[in-house]
Amino acid sequence: MRSIALALLPLLLSGAARADDGGMRATLVEGIVTMAPAGGSGPGPLQEGDPLSEGDTVVTQPGARLEITFTSGTILRVGESTRMTLGASVPQKAFSAKIFLGNVWARVHKLIAAETFHLETENGVAGVRGTEFRIEVEPGKDDLLRVYEGAVQVDGNGGKWSQRVEAAHELRFHKDRQPKGPAKFDSATEKKHKFMEWVRERKEHRPAEHEKRERKHH
């Protein structure tokens, strides 16, 4: 099955270092959220403060919400009824994850030269150098990408097509056909979107290590 991945930029924690808060962890858990480790036992409840690692699959039940924060400053906010598997992670170099269903909003820190961040769906791949965007995956519909800041490069599997999506634009894409191209979206629709209302109201969590880095650079 062909796939499309969203190339972004973060710092995730390796599965071998689960006990070491060196990459990412759940900084907010509301409602029922489960996590199943790769090759491990069945899913168990995910709690606020828990570290996350490569191969973990997180699932939010109806009405649930999840925030994942990286020491780099990157933030992922996950809406209800979402399933996502975290992929390979090399701190300050690369991160990947696959979204099977639901809503994921990301604010990606400004990456260093060769750093990459990938969010994959069944339908496409995107790359950024520090931006804010959202991906929505619904059964029977084209995947939706909306960019709020910066720009995202979306590439079809096999390099059959490529689209650059600028801020205030969206792209609807599917693995079986060439997308029509980016189009402006009505910002008013975001104010009526339950998930995005929560995203905007949620106070930003800043990890202690990220705070130290910022003070060091100032």
C-alpha atoms as a PDB file:
ATOM      1  CA  MET A   1       0.000   0.000   0.000  1.00  0.00           C
ATOM      2  CA  ARG A   2       1.356   3.357  -0.998  1.00  0.00           C
ATOM      3  CA  SER A   3       1.833   5.956   1.672  1.00  0.00           C
ATOM      4  CA  ILE A   4       2.610   9.630   2.123  1.00  0.00           C
ATOM      5  CA  ALA A   5       4.661  11.010   4.974  1.00  0.00           C
ATOM      6  CA  LEU A   6       4.814  14.407   6.549  1.00  0.00           C
ATOM      7  CA  ALA A   7       8.443  15.419   7.018  1.00  0.00           C
ATOM      8  CA  LEU A   8       8.798  17.657   9.984  1.00  0.00           C
ATOM      9  CA  LEU A   9      11.442  18.140  12.576  1.00  0.00           C
ATOM     10  CA  PRO A  10      11.751  16.956  16.162  1.00  0.00           C
ATOM     11  CA  LEU A  11      13.635  15.133  18.823  1.00  0.00           C
ATOM     12  CA  LEU A  12      12.018  11.915  20.010  1.00  0.00           C
ATOM     13  CA  LEU A  13      13.209   9.495  22.585  1.00  0.00           C
ATOM     14  CA  SER A  14      14.575   6.103  21.569  1.00  0.00           C
ATOM     15  CA  GLY A  15      12.727   3.033  22.875  1.00  0.00           C
ATOM     16  CA  ALA A  16      15.876   1.902  24.635  1.00  0.00           C
ATOM     17  CA  ALA A  17      15.913   5.070  26.677  1.00  0.00           C
ATOM     18  CA  ARG A  18      12.328   5.005  27.911  1.00  0.00           C
ATOM     19  CA  ALA A  19      13.374   5.708  31.484  1.00  0.00           C
ATOM     20  CA  ASP A  20      15.388   8.758  30.424  1.00  0.00           C
ATOM     21  CA  ASP A  21      13.395  11.918  29.739  1.00  0.00           C
ATOM     22  CA  GLY A  22      15.676  12.913  26.879  1.00  0.00           C
ATOM     23  CA  GLY A  23      13.141  13.237  24.084  1.00  0.00           C
ATOM     24  CA  MET A  24       9.380  13.407  24.484  1.00  0.00           C
ATOM     25  CA  ARG A  25       6.664  12.689  26.979  1.00  0.00           C
ATOM     26  CA  ALA A  26       2.969  13.187  27.585  1.00  0.00           C
ATOM     27  CA  THR A  27       2.502  16.621  29.133  1.00  0.00           C
ATOM     28  CA  LEU A  28      -1.301  16.476  29.124  1.00  0.00           C
ATOM     29  CA  VAL A  29      -3.709  13.545  29.167  1.00  0.00           C
ATOM     30  CA  GLU A  30      -7.458  14.163  29.291  1.00  0.00           C
ATOM     31  CA  GLY A  31      -9.926  11.301  29.120  1.00  0.00           C
ATOM     32  CA  ILE A  32      -8.970   7.748  28.164  1.00  0.00           C
ATOM     33  CA  VAL A  33      -5.688   7.504  26.260  1.00  0.00           C
ATOM     34  CA  THR A  34      -3.864   4.192  25.812  1.00  0.00           C
ATOM     35  CA  MET A  35      -0.333   3.313  24.743  1.00  0.00           C
ATOM     36  CA  ALA A  36       0.879  -0.016  23.371  1.00  0.00           C
ATOM     37  CA  PRO A  37       4.670  -0.465  23.205  1.00  0.00           C
ATOM     38  CA  ALA A  38       6.203  -2.082  20.119  1.00  0.00           C
ATOM     39  CA  GLY A  39       6.510  -5.837  20.527  1.00  0.00           C
ATOM     40  CA  GLY A  40       5.270  -5.565  24.087  1.00  0.00           C
ATOM     41  CA  SER A  41       2.113  -6.402  25.962  1.00  0.00           C
ATOM     42  CA  GLY A  42      -1.306  -5.047  25.121  1.00  0.00           C
ATOM     43  CA  PRO A  43      -2.234  -1.373  25.479  1.00  0.00           C
ATOM     44  CA  GLY A  44      -2.327   0.222  28.899  1.00  0.00           C
ATOM     45  CA  PRO A  45      -3.378   3.645  30.156  1.00  0.00           C
ATOM     46  CA  LEU A  46      -1.072   6.539  29.276  1.00  0.00           C
ATOM     47  CA  GLN A  47      -0.625   9.012  32.093  1.00  0.00           C
ATOM     48  CA  GLU A  48       0.593  12.581  32.259  1.00  0.00           C
ATOM     49  CA  GLY A  49       4.383  12.643  32.574  1.00  0.00           C
ATOM     50  CA  ASP A  50       4.936   9.253  30.904  1.00  0.00           C
ATOM     51  CA  PRO A  51       7.832   9.099  28.411  1.00  0.00           C
ATOM     52  CA  LEU A  52       7.162   7.850  24.873  1.00  0.00           C
ATOM     53  CA  SER A  53       9.443   5.893  22.570  1.00  0.00           C
ATOM     54  CA  GLU A  54       9.873   4.461  19.087  1.00  0.00           C
ATOM     55  CA  GLY A  55       7.222   1.883  18.234  1.00  0.00           C
ATOM     56  CA  ASP A  56       4.658   3.093  20.769  1.00  0.00           C
ATOM     57  CA  THR A  57       1.100   3.297  19.468  1.00  0.00           C
ATOM     58  CA  VAL A  58      -1.089   5.872  21.173  1.00  0.00           C
ATOM     59  CA  VAL A  59      -4.876   5.876  20.914  1.00  0.00           C
ATOM     60  CA  THR A  60      -7.239   8.560  22.182  1.00  0.00           C
ATOM     61  CA  GLN A  61     -10.800   7.484  22.882  1.00  0.00           C
ATOM     62  CA  PRO A  62     -13.841   9.675  22.055  1.00  0.00           C
ATOM     63  CA  GLY A  63     -13.663  12.853  24.133  1.00  0.00           C
ATOM     64  CA  ALA A  64      -9.988  12.352  25.006  1.00  0.00           C
ATOM     65  CA  ARG A  65      -7.009  14.635  24.293  1.00  0.00           C
ATOM     66  CA  LEU A  66      -3.261  14.254  24.436  1.00  0.00           C
ATOM     67  CA  GLU A  67      -0.295  16.618  24.325  1.00  0.00           C
ATOM     68  CA  ILE A  68       3.235  15.371  23.614  1.00  0.00           C
ATOM     69  CA  THR A  69       6.137  17.739  24.252  1.00  0.00           C
ATOM     70  CA  PHE A  70       9.745  17.359  23.107  1.00  0.00           C
ATOM     71  CA  THR A  71      12.779  18.728  24.904  1.00  0.00           C
ATOM     72  CA  SER A  72      13.493  20.603  21.661  1.00  0.00           C
ATOM     73  CA  GLY A  73      10.325  22.643  22.148  1.00  0.00           C
ATOM     74  CA  THR A  74       8.282  20.841  19.482  1.00  0.00           C
ATOM     75  CA  ILE A  75       4.679  20.167  20.555  1.00  0.00           C
ATOM     76  CA  LEU A  76       2.141  17.666  19.241  1.00  0.00           C
ATOM     77  CA  ARG A  77      -1.511  17.953  20.259  1.00  0.00           C
ATOM     78  CA  VAL A  78      -3.701  14.976  19.517  1.00  0.00           C
ATOM     79  CA  GLY A  79      -7.471  15.086  19.245  1.00  0.00           C
ATOM     80  CA  GLU A  80     -10.079  12.514  20.187  1.00  0.00           C
ATOM     81  CA  SER A  81     -10.500   9.221  18.309  1.00  0.00           C
ATOM     82  CA  THR A  82      -6.941   9.329  16.981  1.00  0.00           C
ATOM     83  CA  ARG A  83      -4.465   6.483  16.460  1.00  0.00           C
ATOM     84  CA  MET A  84      -0.789   7.174  15.835  1.00  0.00           C
ATOM     85  CA  THR A  85       2.371   5.031  15.930  1.00  0.00           C
ATOM     86  CA  LEU A  86       5.715   6.629  16.743  1.00  0.00           C
ATOM     87  CA  GLY A  87       8.533   5.590  14.430  1.00  0.00           C
ATOM     88  CA  ALA A  88      12.309   5.924  14.348  1.00  0.00           C
ATOM     89  CA  SER A  89      13.788   8.627  16.543  1.00  0.00           C
ATOM     90  CA  VAL A  90      17.327   9.950  16.690  1.00  0.00           C
ATOM     91  CA  PRO A  91      17.662  12.993  18.983  1.00  0.00           C
ATOM     92  CA  GLN A  92      18.522  16.193  17.063  1.00  0.00           C
ATOM     93  CA  LYS A  93      18.494  14.247  13.788  1.00  0.00           C
ATOM     94  CA  ALA A  94      15.212  12.594  12.890  1.00  0.00           C
ATOM     95  CA  PHE A  95      11.727  11.586  13.985  1.00  0.00           C
ATOM     96  CA  SER A  96       8.824   9.834  12.285  1.00  0.00           C
ATOM     97  CA  ALA A  97       5.283   8.803  13.137  1.00  0.00           C
ATOM     98  CA  LYS A  98       2.296   7.417  11.289  1.00  0.00           C
ATOM     99  CA  ILE A  99      -1.231   8.751  11.733  1.00  0.00           C
ATOM    100  CA  PHE A 100      -3.892   6.146  10.973  1.00  0.00           C
ATOM    101  CA  LEU A 101      -6.912   8.142  12.059  1.00  0.00           C
ATOM    102  CA  GLY A 102      -7.825  11.431  13.704  1.00  0.00           C
ATOM    103  CA  ASN A 103      -6.404  14.906  14.236  1.00  0.00           C
ATOM    104  CA  VAL A 104      -2.833  15.920  15.029  1.00  0.00           C
ATOM    105  CA  TRP A 105      -1.608  19.531  15.369  1.00  0.00           C
ATOM    106  CA  ALA A 106       2.101  20.276  15.500  1.00  0.00           C
ATOM    107  CA  ARG A 107       4.267  23.244  16.292  1.00  0.00           C
ATOM    108  CA  VAL A 108       7.760  22.241  15.216  1.00  0.00           C
ATOM    109  CA  HIS A 109      10.808  24.028  16.575  1.00  0.00           C
ATOM    110  CA  LYS A 110      13.307  25.516  14.135  1.00  0.00           C
ATOM    111  CA  LEU A 111      15.387  22.565  13.048  1.00  0.00           C
ATOM    112  CA  ILE A 112      19.108  22.367  12.817  1.00  0.00           C
ATOM    113  CA  ALA A 113      20.739  21.752   9.419  1.00  0.00           C
ATOM    114  CA  ALA A 114      20.081  18.034   8.826  1.00  0.00           C
ATOM    115  CA  GLU A 115      17.257  17.471  11.313  1.00  0.00           C
ATOM    116  CA  THR A 116      14.005  15.993   9.989  1.00  0.00           C
ATOM    117  CA  PHE A 117      10.534  15.220  11.312  1.00  0.00           C
ATOM    118  CA  HIS A 118       8.114  12.907   9.504  1.00  0.00           C
ATOM    119  CA  LEU A 119       4.410  12.398  10.046  1.00  0.00           C
ATOM    120  CA  GLU A 120       3.079   9.708   7.755  1.00  0.00           C
ATOM    121  CA  THR A 121      -0.433   8.830   6.623  1.00  0.00           C
ATOM    122  CA  GLU A 122      -1.673   6.255   4.118  1.00  0.00           C
ATOM    123  CA  ASN A 123      -1.742   9.057   1.553  1.00  0.00           C
ATOM    124  CA  GLY A 124       1.304  11.395   1.699  1.00  0.00           C
ATOM    125  CA  VAL A 125       4.647  12.876   3.117  1.00  0.00           C
ATOM    126  CA  ALA A 126       5.529  16.431   4.219  1.00  0.00           C
ATOM    127  CA  GLY A 127       8.686  18.289   5.242  1.00  0.00           C
ATOM    128  CA  VAL A 128       9.178  21.504   7.232  1.00  0.00           C
ATOM    129  CA  ARG A 129      11.895  23.613   8.821  1.00  0.00           C
ATOM    130  CA  GLY A 130       9.965  24.852  11.813  1.00  0.00           C
ATOM    131  CA  THR A 131       6.275  25.511  11.352  1.00  0.00           C
ATOM    132  CA  GLU A 132       2.728  25.066  12.647  1.00  0.00           C
ATOM    133  CA  PHE A 133       0.246  22.809  10.899  1.00  0.00           C
ATOM    134  CA  ARG A 134      -2.511  20.232  11.341  1.00  0.00           C
ATOM    135  CA  ILE A 135      -3.277  16.881   9.725  1.00  0.00           C
ATOM    136  CA  GLU A 136      -6.738  15.341   9.744  1.00  0.00           C
ATOM    137  CA  VAL A 137      -7.388  11.761   8.652  1.00  0.00           C
ATOM    138  CA  GLU A 138     -10.985  10.551   8.288  1.00  0.00           C
ATOM    139  CA  PRO A 139     -12.256   7.255   6.813  1.00  0.00           C
ATOM    140  CA  GLY A 140     -13.446   7.585   3.228  1.00  0.00           C
ATOM    141  CA  LYS A 141     -12.079  11.139   2.815  1.00  0.00           C
ATOM    142  CA  ASP A 142      -8.922  12.705   1.423  1.00  0.00           C
ATOM    143  CA  ASP A 143      -6.380  13.561   4.102  1.00  0.00           C
ATOM    144  CA  LEU A 144      -6.304  17.244   5.050  1.00  0.00           C
ATOM    145  CA  LEU A 145      -3.241  19.362   5.762  1.00  0.00           C
ATOM    146  CA  ARG A 146      -3.643  22.933   6.991  1.00  0.00           C
ATOM    147  CA  VAL A 147      -0.628  25.190   7.479  1.00  0.00           C
ATOM    148  CA  TYR A 148      -0.847  28.057   9.984  1.00  0.00           C
ATOM    149  CA  GLU A 149       2.760  29.260   9.977  1.00  0.00           C
ATOM    150  CA  GLY A 150       5.725  28.578   7.715  1.00  0.00           C
ATOM    151  CA  ALA A 151       5.438  26.122   4.826  1.00  0.00           C
ATOM    152  CA  VAL A 152       5.162  22.353   4.403  1.00  0.00           C
ATOM    153  CA  GLN A 153       6.402  20.290   1.459  1.00  0.00           C
ATOM    154  CA  VAL A 154       4.130  17.336   0.717  1.00  0.00           C
ATOM    155  CA  ASP A 155       5.387  14.585  -1.583  1.00  0.00           C
ATOM    156  CA  GLY A 156       3.458  11.672  -3.014  1.00  0.00           C
ATOM    157  CA  ASN A 157       4.860   8.194  -2.574  1.00  0.00           C
ATOM    158  CA  GLY A 158       7.417   7.367  -5.256  1.00  0.00           C
ATOM    159  CA  GLY A 159       7.876  11.041  -6.083  1.00  0.00           C
ATOM    160  CA  LYS A 160       4.875  11.067  -8.440  1.00  0.00           C
ATOM    161  CA  TRP A 161       3.822  14.507  -7.236  1.00  0.00           C
ATOM    162  CA  SER A 162       4.973  17.251  -4.920  1.00  0.00           C
ATOM    163  CA  GLN A 163       3.178  20.248  -3.431  1.00  0.00           C
ATOM    164  CA  ARG A 164       4.440  23.157  -1.331  1.00  0.00           C
ATOM    165  CA  VAL A 165       1.774  24.447   1.049  1.00  0.00           C
ATOM    166  CA  GLU A 166       2.200  27.951   2.445  1.00  0.00           C
ATOM    167  CA  ALA A 167       0.675  29.489   5.575  1.00  0.00           C
ATOM    168  CA  ALA A 168      -3.110  30.037   5.462  1.00  0.00           C
ATOM    169  CA  HIS A 169      -3.439  27.295   2.829  1.00  0.00           C
ATOM    170  CA  GLU A 170      -4.635  23.706   2.886  1.00  0.00           C
ATOM    171  CA  LEU A 171      -4.072  20.618   0.775  1.00  0.00           C
ATOM    172  CA  ARG A 172      -6.381  17.645   0.404  1.00  0.00           C
ATOM    173  CA  PHE A 173      -4.559  14.578  -0.865  1.00  0.00           C
ATOM    174  CA  HIS A 174      -5.008  10.895  -1.620  1.00  0.00           C
ATOM    175  CA  LYS A 175      -2.556   8.204  -2.684  1.00  0.00           C
ATOM    176  CA  ASP A 176      -4.520   7.319  -5.815  1.00  0.00           C
ATOM    177  CA  ARG A 177      -4.633  10.713  -7.510  1.00  0.00           C
ATOM    178  CA  GLN A 178      -2.772  13.968  -8.064  1.00  0.00           C
ATOM    179  CA  PRO A 179      -3.976  16.642  -5.622  1.00  0.00           C
ATOM    180  CA  LYS A 180      -5.662  19.703  -7.103  1.00  0.00           C
ATOM    181  CA  GLY A 181      -3.150  21.928  -5.354  1.00  0.00           C
ATOM    182  CA  PRO A 182      -3.126  24.156  -2.275  1.00  0.00           C
ATOM    183  CA  ALA A 183      -6.060  26.465  -1.626  1.00  0.00           C
ATOM    184  CA  LYS A 184      -6.693  29.169   0.942  1.00  0.00           C
ATOM    185  CA  PHE A 185      -8.882  28.126   3.850  1.00  0.00           C
ATOM    186  CA  ASP A 186     -11.364  30.240   5.765  1.00  0.00           C
ATOM    187  CA  SER A 187      -9.868  30.984   9.178  1.00  0.00           C
ATOM    188  CA  ALA A 188     -13.396  31.366  10.567  1.00  0.00           C
ATOM    189  CA  THR A 189     -13.915  27.614  10.183  1.00  0.00           C
ATOM    190  CA  GLU A 190     -11.056  27.036  12.632  1.00  0.00           C
ATOM    191  CA  LYS A 191     -12.929  28.948  15.340  1.00  0.00           C
ATOM    192  CA  LYS A 192     -15.805  26.507  15.029  1.00  0.00           C
ATOM    193  CA  HIS A 193     -13.555  23.459  15.038  1.00  0.00           C
ATOM    194  CA  LYS A 194     -13.730  21.732  18.432  1.00  0.00           C
ATOM    195  CA  PHE A 195     -10.183  20.375  18.307  1.00  0.00           C
ATOM    196  CA  MET A 196      -8.628  23.647  17.161  1.00  0.00           C
ATOM    197  CA  GLU A 197     -10.510  25.598  19.821  1.00  0.00           C
ATOM    198  CA  TRP A 198      -8.825  23.406  22.421  1.00  0.00           C
ATOM    199  CA  VAL A 199      -5.429  23.760  20.712  1.00  0.00           C
ATOM    200  CA  ARG A 200      -5.652  27.561  20.867  1.00  0.00           C
ATOM    201  CA  GLU A 201      -6.911  27.643  24.452  1.00  0.00           C
ATOM    202  CA  ARG A 202      -4.262  25.248  25.770  1.00  0.00           C
ATOM    203  CA  LYS A 203      -1.399  27.085  27.447  1.00  0.00           C
ATOM    204  CA  GLU A 204       1.951  26.145  25.932  1.00  0.00           C
ATOM    205  CA  HIS A 205       4.043  23.774  28.018  1.00  0.00           C
ATOM    206  CA  ARG A 206       7.771  24.527  27.896  1.00  0.00           C
ATOM    207  CA  PRO A 207      10.098  21.723  29.062  1.00  0.00           C
ATOM    208  CA  ALA A 208      12.768  22.712  31.571  1.00  0.00           C
ATOM    209  CA  GLU A 209      15.562  21.656  29.206  1.00  0.00           C
ATOM    210  CA  HIS A 210      14.141  23.834  26.443  1.00  0.00           C
ATOM    211  CA  GLU A 211      13.976  26.780  28.852  1.00  0.00           C
ATOM    212  CA  LYS A 212      17.655  26.272  29.700  1.00  0.00           C
ATOM    213  CA  ARG A 213      18.610  26.236  26.031  1.00  0.00           C
ATOM    214  CA  GLU A 214      16.780  29.478  25.354  1.00  0.00           C
ATOM    215  CA  ARG A 215      18.404  31.221  28.305  1.00  0.00           C
ATOM    216  CA  LYS A 216      21.777  29.993  27.110  1.00  0.00           C
ATOM    217  CA  HIS A 217      21.250  31.501  23.639  1.00  0.00           C
ATOM    218  CA  HIS A 218      20.160  34.834  25.058  1.00  0.00           C
END
